[in-house]
Amino acid sequence: QGNPMHFSSKYIIQFIGLTALFFNQLVFADSFGIKLNEEMAEFSISGDNQNLMEGSSGSLNFFYNEDKDYAGSLYLGVNGNPTGVGNFRLGIGAKFTGIYSDRLDDQFFALGIGGQASLTLKTTYPMSIVFEVNYAPDITTSKDMSSLIESTARIEVQIISKAKAFAGYRNYEFEHSKNNASTDYELDDNIHVGVLLEF
């Protein structure tokens, strides 16, 4: 049996390379984010492409945790302001995720749909309350993965013109089914903090 770490690195590098090339063709990256807690880290680049479609946006993300679960994901969507509500934004899109789980010594892929809602508050330092959810059902997941769900709630604060700090909570898990038995595997289920830097 091969070294699981070597196996995961090989496929993660390939996945990140291919999705980064695809992402670069669709979206002009303009920000870099880091999300952390005691058990996981996630790095992301995000941006938009108004030439492709008004309100279009995307993000490329890499995640790992202390259980040696690794995930790379590509999100593409559109967002905007509902008519007459300037400080409220809604977004919807699709998210492709590739996961390697050391606990299962296996890799999985999932295609899901997602939504986002954010409300900006008029405070001394601009503040936003953000909710996000992404869901992939059994029909769009590979192998023994039955579903993948990621839900997040956070508060963002604009500390300076090109930087935001945020804190929130995320539940990120997938269901694994084999031999008529199902088990939920948590990738993240904790409070986190992070920063978003614009360039």
N, C-alpha and C. Protein backbone atom coordinates (compact mmCIF):
# COMPACT_ATOMS: atom_id res chain seq x y z
N GLN A 1 0.84 -1.19 0.00
CA GLN A 1 0.00 0.00 0.00
C GLN A 1 0.88 1.24 0.00
N GLY A 2 0.55 2.24 -0.86
CA GLY A 2 1.36 3.43 -0.98
C GLY A 2 1.19 4.34 0.22
N ASN A 3 2.09 5.30 0.28
CA ASN A 3 2.03 6.31 1.33
C ASN A 3 0.83 7.21 1.08
N PRO A 4 -0.13 7.28 2.01
CA PRO A 4 -1.32 8.10 1.79
C PRO A 4 -0.98 9.56 1.55
N MET A 5 0.04 10.07 2.25
CA MET A 5 0.41 11.47 2.09
C MET A 5 0.89 11.74 0.68
N HIS A 6 1.69 10.82 0.12
CA HIS A 6 2.18 10.97 -1.24
C HIS A 6 1.02 10.91 -2.22
N PHE A 7 0.10 9.99 -2.00
CA PHE A 7 -1.06 9.84 -2.87
C PHE A 7 -1.88 11.12 -2.89
N SER A 8 -2.15 11.66 -1.69
CA SER A 8 -2.97 12.85 -1.62
C SER A 8 -2.29 14.05 -2.28
N SER A 9 -1.00 14.22 -2.06
CA SER A 9 -0.28 15.35 -2.62
C SER A 9 -0.32 15.31 -4.14
N LYS A 10 -0.14 14.14 -4.72
CA LYS A 10 -0.14 14.00 -6.17
C LYS A 10 -1.45 14.48 -6.76
N TYR A 11 -2.57 13.99 -6.24
CA TYR A 11 -3.86 14.34 -6.81
C TYR A 11 -4.28 15.77 -6.48
N ILE A 12 -3.90 16.24 -5.30
CA ILE A 12 -4.24 17.62 -4.94
C ILE A 12 -3.50 18.60 -5.84
N ILE A 13 -2.22 18.37 -6.10
CA ILE A 13 -1.45 19.25 -6.98
C ILE A 13 -2.05 19.27 -8.38
N GLN A 14 -2.42 18.10 -8.90
CA GLN A 14 -3.05 18.04 -10.22
C GLN A 14 -4.37 18.80 -10.24
N PHE A 15 -5.18 18.59 -9.21
CA PHE A 15 -6.49 19.25 -9.14
C PHE A 15 -6.33 20.77 -9.07
N ILE A 16 -5.44 21.23 -8.19
CA ILE A 16 -5.25 22.67 -8.04
C ILE A 16 -4.71 23.28 -9.32
N GLY A 17 -3.78 22.60 -9.98
CA GLY A 17 -3.22 23.12 -11.22
C GLY A 17 -4.26 23.27 -12.31
N LEU A 18 -5.08 22.25 -12.52
CA LEU A 18 -6.10 22.31 -13.57
C LEU A 18 -7.17 23.34 -13.27
N THR A 19 -7.64 23.38 -12.01
CA THR A 19 -8.69 24.33 -11.68
C THR A 19 -8.16 25.76 -11.67
N ALA A 20 -6.88 25.94 -11.30
CA ALA A 20 -6.31 27.29 -11.34
C ALA A 20 -6.25 27.82 -12.76
N LEU A 21 -5.88 26.96 -13.72
CA LEU A 21 -5.86 27.39 -15.12
C LEU A 21 -7.27 27.73 -15.60
N PHE A 22 -8.25 26.90 -15.26
CA PHE A 22 -9.63 27.15 -15.65
C PHE A 22 -10.14 28.43 -15.00
N PHE A 23 -9.84 28.58 -13.71
CA PHE A 23 -10.28 29.76 -12.96
C PHE A 23 -9.70 31.03 -13.56
N ASN A 24 -8.42 30.98 -13.95
CA ASN A 24 -7.76 32.16 -14.50
C ASN A 24 -8.39 32.63 -15.80
N GLN A 25 -8.97 31.69 -16.57
CA GLN A 25 -9.61 32.05 -17.82
C GLN A 25 -10.98 32.70 -17.61
N LEU A 26 -11.61 32.42 -16.48
CA LEU A 26 -12.98 32.90 -16.26
C LEU A 26 -13.08 34.10 -15.33
N VAL A 27 -12.16 34.19 -14.38
CA VAL A 27 -12.29 35.19 -13.32
C VAL A 27 -10.97 35.94 -13.14
N PHE A 28 -11.07 37.24 -12.95
CA PHE A 28 -9.91 38.05 -12.64
C PHE A 28 -9.76 38.11 -11.12
N ALA A 29 -8.77 37.41 -10.58
CA ALA A 29 -8.60 37.35 -9.13
C ALA A 29 -8.23 38.73 -8.58
N ASP A 30 -8.89 39.12 -7.48
CA ASP A 30 -8.59 40.42 -6.88
C ASP A 30 -8.50 40.37 -5.36
N SER A 31 -8.56 39.16 -4.77
CA SER A 31 -8.45 39.07 -3.31
C SER A 31 -7.90 37.71 -2.90
N PHE A 32 -7.30 37.69 -1.72
CA PHE A 32 -6.72 36.47 -1.14
C PHE A 32 -7.21 36.35 0.29
N GLY A 33 -7.70 35.16 0.67
CA GLY A 33 -8.24 34.96 2.00
C GLY A 33 -7.61 33.80 2.75
N ILE A 34 -7.57 33.91 4.07
CA ILE A 34 -7.09 32.85 4.95
C ILE A 34 -8.13 32.65 6.05
N LYS A 35 -8.49 31.39 6.28
CA LYS A 35 -9.46 31.04 7.32
C LYS A 35 -8.80 29.99 8.22
N LEU A 36 -8.83 30.20 9.56
CA LEU A 36 -8.10 29.32 10.47
C LEU A 36 -8.89 29.02 11.74
N ASN A 37 -8.66 27.82 12.28
CA ASN A 37 -8.95 27.52 13.67
C ASN A 37 -7.93 26.49 14.14
N GLU A 38 -8.12 25.93 15.32
CA GLU A 38 -7.11 25.02 15.87
C GLU A 38 -6.98 23.72 15.08
N GLU A 39 -7.98 23.39 14.27
CA GLU A 39 -8.00 22.08 13.62
C GLU A 39 -7.96 22.13 12.10
N MET A 40 -8.05 23.32 11.49
CA MET A 40 -8.06 23.38 10.03
C MET A 40 -7.52 24.71 9.54
N ALA A 41 -7.17 24.73 8.26
CA ALA A 41 -6.76 25.95 7.57
C ALA A 41 -7.32 25.92 6.15
N GLU A 42 -7.70 27.08 5.65
CA GLU A 42 -8.20 27.18 4.28
C GLU A 42 -7.66 28.46 3.65
N PHE A 43 -7.22 28.34 2.40
CA PHE A 43 -6.68 29.46 1.64
C PHE A 43 -7.52 29.62 0.37
N SER A 44 -7.78 30.86 -0.02
CA SER A 44 -8.63 31.07 -1.18
C SER A 44 -8.19 32.30 -1.96
N ILE A 45 -8.44 32.26 -3.27
CA ILE A 45 -8.35 33.45 -4.10
C ILE A 45 -9.71 33.63 -4.76
N SER A 46 -10.12 34.86 -4.93
CA SER A 46 -11.45 35.12 -5.48
C SER A 46 -11.43 36.39 -6.32
N GLY A 47 -12.47 36.55 -7.12
CA GLY A 47 -12.56 37.72 -7.97
C GLY A 47 -13.82 37.69 -8.80
N ASP A 48 -13.87 38.55 -9.84
CA ASP A 48 -15.04 38.60 -10.71
C ASP A 48 -14.62 38.83 -12.15
N ASN A 49 -15.58 38.73 -13.04
CA ASN A 49 -15.36 38.98 -14.46
C ASN A 49 -16.63 39.60 -15.03
N GLN A 50 -16.69 40.92 -15.02
CA GLN A 50 -17.88 41.61 -15.52
C GLN A 50 -18.02 41.48 -17.03
N ASN A 51 -16.91 41.15 -17.72
CA ASN A 51 -16.99 40.94 -19.17
C ASN A 51 -17.71 39.64 -19.51
N LEU A 52 -17.61 38.66 -18.61
CA LEU A 52 -18.28 37.38 -18.84
C LEU A 52 -19.78 37.51 -18.60
N MET A 53 -20.16 38.10 -17.47
CA MET A 53 -21.57 38.28 -17.11
C MET A 53 -21.63 39.29 -15.96
N GLU A 54 -22.59 40.17 -15.99
CA GLU A 54 -22.72 41.15 -14.92
C GLU A 54 -22.96 40.44 -13.59
N GLY A 55 -22.14 40.77 -12.61
CA GLY A 55 -22.28 40.15 -11.30
C GLY A 55 -21.60 38.81 -11.15
N SER A 56 -20.87 38.35 -12.18
CA SER A 56 -20.22 37.04 -12.09
C SER A 56 -19.05 37.09 -11.11
N SER A 57 -18.83 36.00 -10.40
CA SER A 57 -17.76 35.93 -9.42
C SER A 57 -17.29 34.49 -9.30
N GLY A 58 -16.17 34.30 -8.65
CA GLY A 58 -15.65 32.95 -8.47
C GLY A 58 -14.61 32.90 -7.37
N SER A 59 -14.32 31.71 -6.92
CA SER A 59 -13.27 31.51 -5.92
C SER A 59 -12.64 30.14 -6.10
N LEU A 60 -11.37 30.07 -5.78
CA LEU A 60 -10.60 28.83 -5.80
C LEU A 60 -10.05 28.62 -4.40
N ASN A 61 -10.32 27.44 -3.81
CA ASN A 61 -10.04 27.24 -2.39
C ASN A 61 -9.26 25.95 -2.15
N PHE A 62 -8.38 26.00 -1.15
CA PHE A 62 -7.67 24.79 -0.72
C PHE A 62 -7.80 24.66 0.80
N PHE A 63 -8.24 23.48 1.25
CA PHE A 63 -8.55 23.23 2.66
C PHE A 63 -7.80 22.00 3.15
N TYR A 64 -7.36 22.02 4.41
CA TYR A 64 -6.87 20.79 5.04
C TYR A 64 -7.12 20.87 6.54
N ASN A 65 -7.17 19.70 7.18
CA ASN A 65 -7.40 19.66 8.62
C ASN A 65 -6.46 18.68 9.30
N GLU A 66 -6.55 18.60 10.63
CA GLU A 66 -5.62 17.77 11.39
C GLU A 66 -5.87 16.27 11.21
N ASP A 67 -7.03 15.90 10.64
CA ASP A 67 -7.30 14.50 10.33
C ASP A 67 -6.72 14.09 8.98
N LYS A 68 -5.98 15.00 8.35
CA LYS A 68 -5.38 14.77 7.02
C LYS A 68 -6.45 14.57 5.95
N ASP A 69 -7.50 15.37 6.06
CA ASP A 69 -8.47 15.51 4.97
C ASP A 69 -8.04 16.73 4.16
N TYR A 70 -8.07 16.60 2.84
CA TYR A 70 -7.66 17.68 1.95
C TYR A 70 -8.78 17.93 0.94
N ALA A 71 -9.07 19.20 0.69
CA ALA A 71 -10.12 19.53 -0.27
C ALA A 71 -9.71 20.72 -1.11
N GLY A 72 -9.94 20.61 -2.41
CA GLY A 72 -9.79 21.73 -3.32
C GLY A 72 -11.13 21.99 -3.98
N SER A 73 -11.51 23.25 -4.10
CA SER A 73 -12.83 23.53 -4.67
C SER A 73 -12.78 24.76 -5.57
N LEU A 74 -13.68 24.74 -6.55
CA LEU A 74 -13.85 25.85 -7.49
C LEU A 74 -15.31 26.25 -7.47
N TYR A 75 -15.56 27.53 -7.15
CA TYR A 75 -16.93 28.06 -7.12
C TYR A 75 -17.08 29.13 -8.19
N LEU A 76 -18.15 29.04 -8.97
CA LEU A 76 -18.49 30.05 -9.96
C LEU A 76 -19.95 30.42 -9.80
N GLY A 77 -20.23 31.72 -9.75
CA GLY A 77 -21.62 32.14 -9.53
C GLY A 77 -21.86 33.57 -9.95
N VAL A 78 -23.05 34.05 -9.65
CA VAL A 78 -23.43 35.44 -9.91
C VAL A 78 -24.05 35.99 -8.63
N ASN A 79 -23.92 37.31 -8.44
CA ASN A 79 -24.51 37.94 -7.27
C ASN A 79 -24.93 39.35 -7.60
N GLY A 80 -25.81 39.90 -6.78
CA GLY A 80 -26.28 41.25 -7.01
C GLY A 80 -27.22 41.71 -5.92
N ASN A 81 -27.71 42.94 -6.08
CA ASN A 81 -28.64 43.54 -5.12
C ASN A 81 -30.07 43.34 -5.58
N PRO A 82 -30.93 42.80 -4.73
CA PRO A 82 -32.35 42.78 -5.09
C PRO A 82 -32.85 44.21 -5.29
N THR A 83 -33.82 44.40 -6.13
CA THR A 83 -34.33 45.72 -6.46
C THR A 83 -34.71 46.51 -5.20
N GLY A 84 -34.10 47.69 -5.09
CA GLY A 84 -34.44 48.60 -4.01
C GLY A 84 -33.81 48.30 -2.66
N VAL A 85 -32.95 47.29 -2.58
CA VAL A 85 -32.32 46.95 -1.30
C VAL A 85 -30.80 47.03 -1.50
N GLY A 86 -30.25 48.22 -1.31
CA GLY A 86 -28.85 48.46 -1.66
C GLY A 86 -27.84 47.79 -0.76
N ASN A 87 -28.15 47.56 0.52
CA ASN A 87 -27.17 46.97 1.43
C ASN A 87 -27.34 45.46 1.60
N PHE A 88 -28.16 44.86 0.76
CA PHE A 88 -28.42 43.41 0.84
C PHE A 88 -28.06 42.78 -0.49
N ARG A 89 -27.24 41.70 -0.43
CA ARG A 89 -26.81 41.03 -1.66
C ARG A 89 -27.15 39.55 -1.59
N LEU A 90 -27.52 39.02 -2.73
CA LEU A 90 -27.79 37.59 -2.87
C LEU A 90 -26.91 37.02 -3.97
N GLY A 91 -26.48 35.78 -3.79
CA GLY A 91 -25.68 35.12 -4.81
C GLY A 91 -26.09 33.67 -4.96
N ILE A 92 -25.86 33.12 -6.15
CA ILE A 92 -26.14 31.71 -6.40
C ILE A 92 -25.13 31.20 -7.41
N GLY A 93 -24.75 29.93 -7.28
CA GLY A 93 -23.75 29.39 -8.20
C GLY A 93 -23.56 27.90 -8.03
N ALA A 94 -22.48 27.40 -8.63
CA ALA A 94 -22.15 25.98 -8.58
C ALA A 94 -20.74 25.81 -8.01
N LYS A 95 -20.53 24.73 -7.28
CA LYS A 95 -19.23 24.48 -6.65
C LYS A 95 -18.78 23.05 -6.92
N PHE A 96 -17.58 22.93 -7.48
CA PHE A 96 -16.98 21.61 -7.73
C PHE A 96 -15.91 21.38 -6.67
N THR A 97 -15.96 20.24 -6.00
CA THR A 97 -15.05 19.95 -4.90
C THR A 97 -14.38 18.59 -5.09
N GLY A 98 -13.08 18.55 -4.87
CA GLY A 98 -12.34 17.30 -4.85
C GLY A 98 -11.77 17.09 -3.45
N ILE A 99 -11.95 15.91 -2.90
CA ILE A 99 -11.54 15.62 -1.52
C ILE A 99 -10.68 14.36 -1.48
N TYR A 100 -9.60 14.43 -0.70
CA TYR A 100 -8.88 13.20 -0.34
C TYR A 100 -8.98 13.04 1.17
N SER A 101 -9.45 11.89 1.64
CA SER A 101 -9.59 11.62 3.07
C SER A 101 -8.59 10.55 3.48
N ASP A 102 -7.68 10.92 4.36
CA ASP A 102 -6.71 9.96 4.87
C ASP A 102 -7.40 8.89 5.71
N ARG A 103 -8.47 9.28 6.39
CA ARG A 103 -9.19 8.33 7.25
C ARG A 103 -9.78 7.19 6.43
N LEU A 104 -10.19 7.48 5.19
CA LEU A 104 -10.77 6.46 4.31
C LEU A 104 -9.79 6.00 3.24
N ASP A 105 -8.65 6.67 3.15
CA ASP A 105 -7.65 6.40 2.12
C ASP A 105 -8.31 6.35 0.74
N ASP A 106 -9.07 7.40 0.44
CA ASP A 106 -9.81 7.44 -0.82
C ASP A 106 -10.06 8.89 -1.21
N GLN A 107 -10.36 9.11 -2.50
CA GLN A 107 -10.66 10.44 -2.99
C GLN A 107 -12.08 10.48 -3.55
N PHE A 108 -12.70 11.66 -3.47
CA PHE A 108 -14.08 11.83 -3.90
C PHE A 108 -14.21 13.17 -4.63
N PHE A 109 -15.25 13.24 -5.47
CA PHE A 109 -15.55 14.48 -6.17
C PHE A 109 -17.04 14.76 -6.04
N ALA A 110 -17.38 16.03 -6.00
CA ALA A 110 -18.79 16.42 -5.85
C ALA A 110 -19.05 17.71 -6.60
N LEU A 111 -20.22 17.78 -7.23
CA LEU A 111 -20.69 19.00 -7.87
C LEU A 111 -21.98 19.42 -7.19
N GLY A 112 -21.97 20.61 -6.61
CA GLY A 112 -23.14 21.07 -5.87
C GLY A 112 -23.57 22.46 -6.27
N ILE A 113 -24.68 22.89 -5.71
CA ILE A 113 -25.17 24.25 -5.91
C ILE A 113 -25.05 24.99 -4.59
N GLY A 114 -24.93 26.31 -4.69
CA GLY A 114 -24.74 27.08 -3.47
C GLY A 114 -25.44 28.42 -3.53
N GLY A 115 -25.61 29.01 -2.37
CA GLY A 115 -26.22 30.32 -2.27
C GLY A 115 -25.56 31.12 -1.18
N GLN A 116 -25.65 32.45 -1.30
CA GLN A 116 -25.06 33.35 -0.32
C GLN A 116 -25.98 34.54 -0.11
N ALA A 117 -26.07 35.01 1.12
CA ALA A 117 -26.81 36.23 1.45
C ALA A 117 -25.95 37.06 2.39
N SER A 118 -25.86 38.35 2.12
CA SER A 118 -25.07 39.23 2.99
C SER A 118 -25.82 40.54 3.22
N LEU A 119 -25.70 41.03 4.43
CA LEU A 119 -26.32 42.29 4.83
C LEU A 119 -25.24 43.19 5.39
N THR A 120 -25.05 44.37 4.79
CA THR A 120 -24.05 45.33 5.24
C THR A 120 -24.69 46.33 6.19
N LEU A 121 -24.06 46.51 7.35
CA LEU A 121 -24.56 47.42 8.37
C LEU A 121 -23.79 48.73 8.33
N LYS A 122 -24.49 49.83 8.55
CA LYS A 122 -23.85 51.15 8.54
C LYS A 122 -23.30 51.44 9.93
N THR A 123 -22.04 51.06 10.13
CA THR A 123 -21.37 51.27 11.40
C THR A 123 -20.08 52.07 11.15
N THR A 124 -19.37 52.42 12.23
CA THR A 124 -18.12 53.18 12.09
C THR A 124 -17.15 52.45 11.18
N TYR A 125 -16.98 51.15 11.41
CA TYR A 125 -16.24 50.28 10.50
C TYR A 125 -17.26 49.43 9.77
N PRO A 126 -17.36 49.56 8.43
CA PRO A 126 -18.37 48.79 7.70
C PRO A 126 -18.36 47.32 8.09
N MET A 127 -19.54 46.79 8.40
CA MET A 127 -19.68 45.42 8.89
C MET A 127 -20.74 44.69 8.08
N SER A 128 -20.48 43.42 7.79
CA SER A 128 -21.44 42.61 7.04
C SER A 128 -21.71 41.31 7.77
N ILE A 129 -22.96 40.86 7.71
CA ILE A 129 -23.35 39.54 8.20
C ILE A 129 -23.58 38.67 6.97
N VAL A 130 -22.89 37.53 6.93
CA VAL A 130 -22.89 36.70 5.72
C VAL A 130 -23.32 35.27 6.06
N PHE A 131 -24.20 34.72 5.23
CA PHE A 131 -24.61 33.32 5.34
C PHE A 131 -24.34 32.64 4.00
N GLU A 132 -23.76 31.44 4.03
CA GLU A 132 -23.47 30.68 2.82
C GLU A 132 -23.85 29.22 3.01
N VAL A 133 -24.32 28.58 1.95
CA VAL A 133 -24.57 27.14 1.99
C VAL A 133 -24.28 26.54 0.62
N ASN A 134 -23.63 25.39 0.61
CA ASN A 134 -23.37 24.64 -0.61
C ASN A 134 -23.76 23.19 -0.37
N TYR A 135 -24.44 22.59 -1.34
CA TYR A 135 -24.96 21.22 -1.15
C TYR A 135 -24.81 20.42 -2.44
N ALA A 136 -24.25 19.21 -2.29
CA ALA A 136 -24.15 18.26 -3.40
C ALA A 136 -24.86 16.97 -3.00
N PRO A 137 -25.91 16.56 -3.74
CA PRO A 137 -26.63 15.33 -3.41
C PRO A 137 -25.92 14.10 -3.97
N ASP A 138 -26.46 12.95 -3.68
CA ASP A 138 -25.87 11.69 -4.10
C ASP A 138 -25.67 11.60 -5.61
N ILE A 139 -26.60 12.15 -6.39
CA ILE A 139 -26.55 12.01 -7.84
C ILE A 139 -25.35 12.71 -8.46
N THR A 140 -24.78 13.73 -7.76
CA THR A 140 -23.64 14.46 -8.32
C THR A 140 -22.38 14.28 -7.48
N THR A 141 -22.30 13.17 -6.76
CA THR A 141 -21.08 12.83 -6.02
C THR A 141 -20.53 11.52 -6.54
N SER A 142 -19.23 11.30 -6.30
CA SER A 142 -18.57 10.11 -6.85
C SER A 142 -18.41 9.02 -5.80
N LYS A 143 -18.21 7.81 -6.31
CA LYS A 143 -17.89 6.64 -5.48
C LYS A 143 -18.90 6.46 -4.35
N ASP A 144 -18.36 6.33 -3.10
CA ASP A 144 -19.21 6.02 -1.96
C ASP A 144 -19.66 7.26 -1.20
N MET A 145 -19.37 8.44 -1.74
CA MET A 145 -19.89 9.66 -1.11
C MET A 145 -21.37 9.81 -1.45
N SER A 146 -22.21 10.03 -0.42
CA SER A 146 -23.65 10.16 -0.63
C SER A 146 -24.11 11.60 -0.70
N SER A 147 -23.40 12.49 -0.01
CA SER A 147 -23.74 13.91 -0.03
C SER A 147 -22.59 14.71 0.55
N LEU A 148 -22.59 15.99 0.22
CA LEU A 148 -21.60 16.92 0.76
C LEU A 148 -22.33 18.22 1.08
N ILE A 149 -22.16 18.73 2.28
CA ILE A 149 -22.82 19.98 2.65
C ILE A 149 -21.84 20.87 3.41
N GLU A 150 -21.89 22.15 3.10
CA GLU A 150 -21.05 23.15 3.76
C GLU A 150 -21.93 24.37 4.06
N SER A 151 -22.07 24.71 5.31
CA SER A 151 -22.87 25.88 5.71
C SER A 151 -22.04 26.76 6.63
N THR A 152 -22.09 28.06 6.38
CA THR A 152 -21.25 29.02 7.09
C THR A 152 -22.05 30.26 7.47
N ALA A 153 -21.76 30.78 8.65
CA ALA A 153 -22.27 32.08 9.09
C ALA A 153 -21.08 32.86 9.66
N ARG A 154 -20.93 34.12 9.24
CA ARG A 154 -19.79 34.90 9.74
C ARG A 154 -20.12 36.39 9.76
N ILE A 155 -19.30 37.13 10.49
CA ILE A 155 -19.35 38.58 10.54
C ILE A 155 -18.04 39.12 9.98
N GLU A 156 -18.13 40.01 9.01
CA GLU A 156 -16.95 40.63 8.40
C GLU A 156 -16.87 42.09 8.80
N VAL A 157 -15.66 42.57 9.06
CA VAL A 157 -15.44 43.98 9.41
C VAL A 157 -14.35 44.54 8.51
N GLN A 158 -14.63 45.65 7.86
CA GLN A 158 -13.65 46.33 7.01
C GLN A 158 -12.74 47.15 7.91
N ILE A 159 -11.53 46.62 8.20
CA ILE A 159 -10.65 47.30 9.15
C ILE A 159 -9.84 48.42 8.49
N ILE A 160 -9.43 48.23 7.24
CA ILE A 160 -8.84 49.28 6.43
C ILE A 160 -9.37 49.11 5.01
N SER A 161 -9.00 50.02 4.11
CA SER A 161 -9.63 50.04 2.79
C SER A 161 -9.46 48.74 2.00
N LYS A 162 -8.34 48.04 2.19
CA LYS A 162 -8.06 46.84 1.40
C LYS A 162 -8.01 45.56 2.23
N ALA A 163 -8.57 45.60 3.42
CA ALA A 163 -8.50 44.41 4.27
C ALA A 163 -9.74 44.27 5.14
N LYS A 164 -10.24 43.03 5.21
CA LYS A 164 -11.35 42.68 6.09
C LYS A 164 -10.90 41.60 7.07
N ALA A 165 -11.41 41.67 8.27
CA ALA A 165 -11.25 40.59 9.24
C ALA A 165 -12.62 39.97 9.45
N PHE A 166 -12.65 38.67 9.73
CA PHE A 166 -13.95 38.03 9.94
C PHE A 166 -13.84 36.91 10.97
N ALA A 167 -14.98 36.59 11.55
CA ALA A 167 -15.10 35.48 12.49
C ALA A 167 -16.44 34.81 12.23
N GLY A 168 -16.46 33.49 12.35
CA GLY A 168 -17.71 32.79 12.07
C GLY A 168 -17.67 31.34 12.48
N TYR A 169 -18.68 30.64 12.04
CA TYR A 169 -18.83 29.20 12.33
C TYR A 169 -19.16 28.47 11.03
N ARG A 170 -18.56 27.30 10.84
CA ARG A 170 -18.86 26.49 9.65
C ARG A 170 -19.06 25.03 10.02
N ASN A 171 -20.06 24.43 9.38
CA ASN A 171 -20.24 22.98 9.42
C ASN A 171 -19.99 22.46 8.01
N TYR A 172 -19.02 21.57 7.87
CA TYR A 172 -18.56 21.08 6.57
C TYR A 172 -18.39 19.57 6.70
N GLU A 173 -19.26 18.78 6.04
CA GLU A 173 -19.22 17.34 6.22
C GLU A 173 -19.74 16.61 4.99
N PHE A 174 -19.36 15.35 4.89
CA PHE A 174 -19.89 14.51 3.83
C PHE A 174 -20.37 13.19 4.40
N GLU A 175 -21.31 12.60 3.70
CA GLU A 175 -21.84 11.29 4.10
C GLU A 175 -21.21 10.22 3.23
N HIS A 176 -20.69 9.18 3.89
CA HIS A 176 -20.04 8.07 3.19
C HIS A 176 -20.88 6.82 3.39
N SER A 177 -21.26 6.18 2.28
CA SER A 177 -22.10 4.99 2.35
C SER A 177 -21.39 3.80 1.72
N LYS A 178 -21.35 2.70 2.47
CA LYS A 178 -20.72 1.48 1.96
C LYS A 178 -21.28 0.28 2.69
N ASN A 179 -21.57 -0.77 1.95
CA ASN A 179 -22.11 -2.01 2.54
C ASN A 179 -23.36 -1.73 3.37
N ASN A 180 -24.26 -0.91 2.80
CA ASN A 180 -25.54 -0.58 3.42
C ASN A 180 -25.41 0.15 4.76
N ALA A 181 -24.26 0.77 4.99
CA ALA A 181 -24.05 1.56 6.21
C ALA A 181 -23.58 2.95 5.82
N SER A 182 -24.10 3.96 6.53
CA SER A 182 -23.74 5.35 6.24
C SER A 182 -23.08 5.98 7.46
N THR A 183 -22.03 6.75 7.20
CA THR A 183 -21.30 7.44 8.26
C THR A 183 -21.05 8.88 7.83
N ASP A 184 -21.26 9.82 8.76
CA ASP A 184 -20.96 11.22 8.49
C ASP A 184 -19.52 11.53 8.92
N TYR A 185 -18.77 12.14 8.02
CA TYR A 185 -17.40 12.53 8.30
C TYR A 185 -17.32 14.06 8.30
N GLU A 186 -16.93 14.62 9.43
CA GLU A 186 -16.82 16.07 9.53
C GLU A 186 -15.45 16.54 9.06
N LEU A 187 -15.45 17.49 8.16
CA LEU A 187 -14.22 18.14 7.74
C LEU A 187 -13.93 19.34 8.64
N ASP A 188 -15.00 20.04 9.02
CA ASP A 188 -14.87 21.20 9.90
C ASP A 188 -16.21 21.41 10.61
N ASP A 189 -16.16 21.65 11.89
CA ASP A 189 -17.37 21.93 12.67
C ASP A 189 -16.95 22.77 13.86
N ASN A 190 -16.59 24.03 13.55
CA ASN A 190 -15.98 24.83 14.60
C ASN A 190 -16.05 26.32 14.25
N ILE A 191 -15.71 27.14 15.23
CA ILE A 191 -15.57 28.58 15.04
C ILE A 191 -14.23 28.84 14.34
N HIS A 192 -14.19 29.87 13.51
CA HIS A 192 -12.95 30.22 12.82
C HIS A 192 -12.79 31.73 12.79
N VAL A 193 -11.55 32.15 12.49
CA VAL A 193 -11.25 33.56 12.24
C VAL A 193 -10.48 33.63 10.94
N GLY A 194 -10.43 34.82 10.34
CA GLY A 194 -9.70 34.94 9.10
C GLY A 194 -9.55 36.37 8.64
N VAL A 195 -8.83 36.53 7.53
CA VAL A 195 -8.64 37.84 6.91
C VAL A 195 -8.86 37.70 5.40
N LEU A 196 -9.30 38.78 4.79
CA LEU A 196 -9.48 38.86 3.34
C LEU A 196 -8.75 40.10 2.86
N LEU A 197 -7.73 39.90 2.02
CA LEU A 197 -6.89 41.00 1.54
C LEU A 197 -7.19 41.25 0.07
N GLU A 198 -7.49 42.48 -0.29
CA GLU A 198 -7.77 42.85 -1.66
C GLU A 198 -6.55 43.43 -2.34
N PHE A 199 -6.41 43.16 -3.66
CA PHE A 199 -5.25 43.69 -4.39
C PHE A 199 -5.67 44.12 -5.79
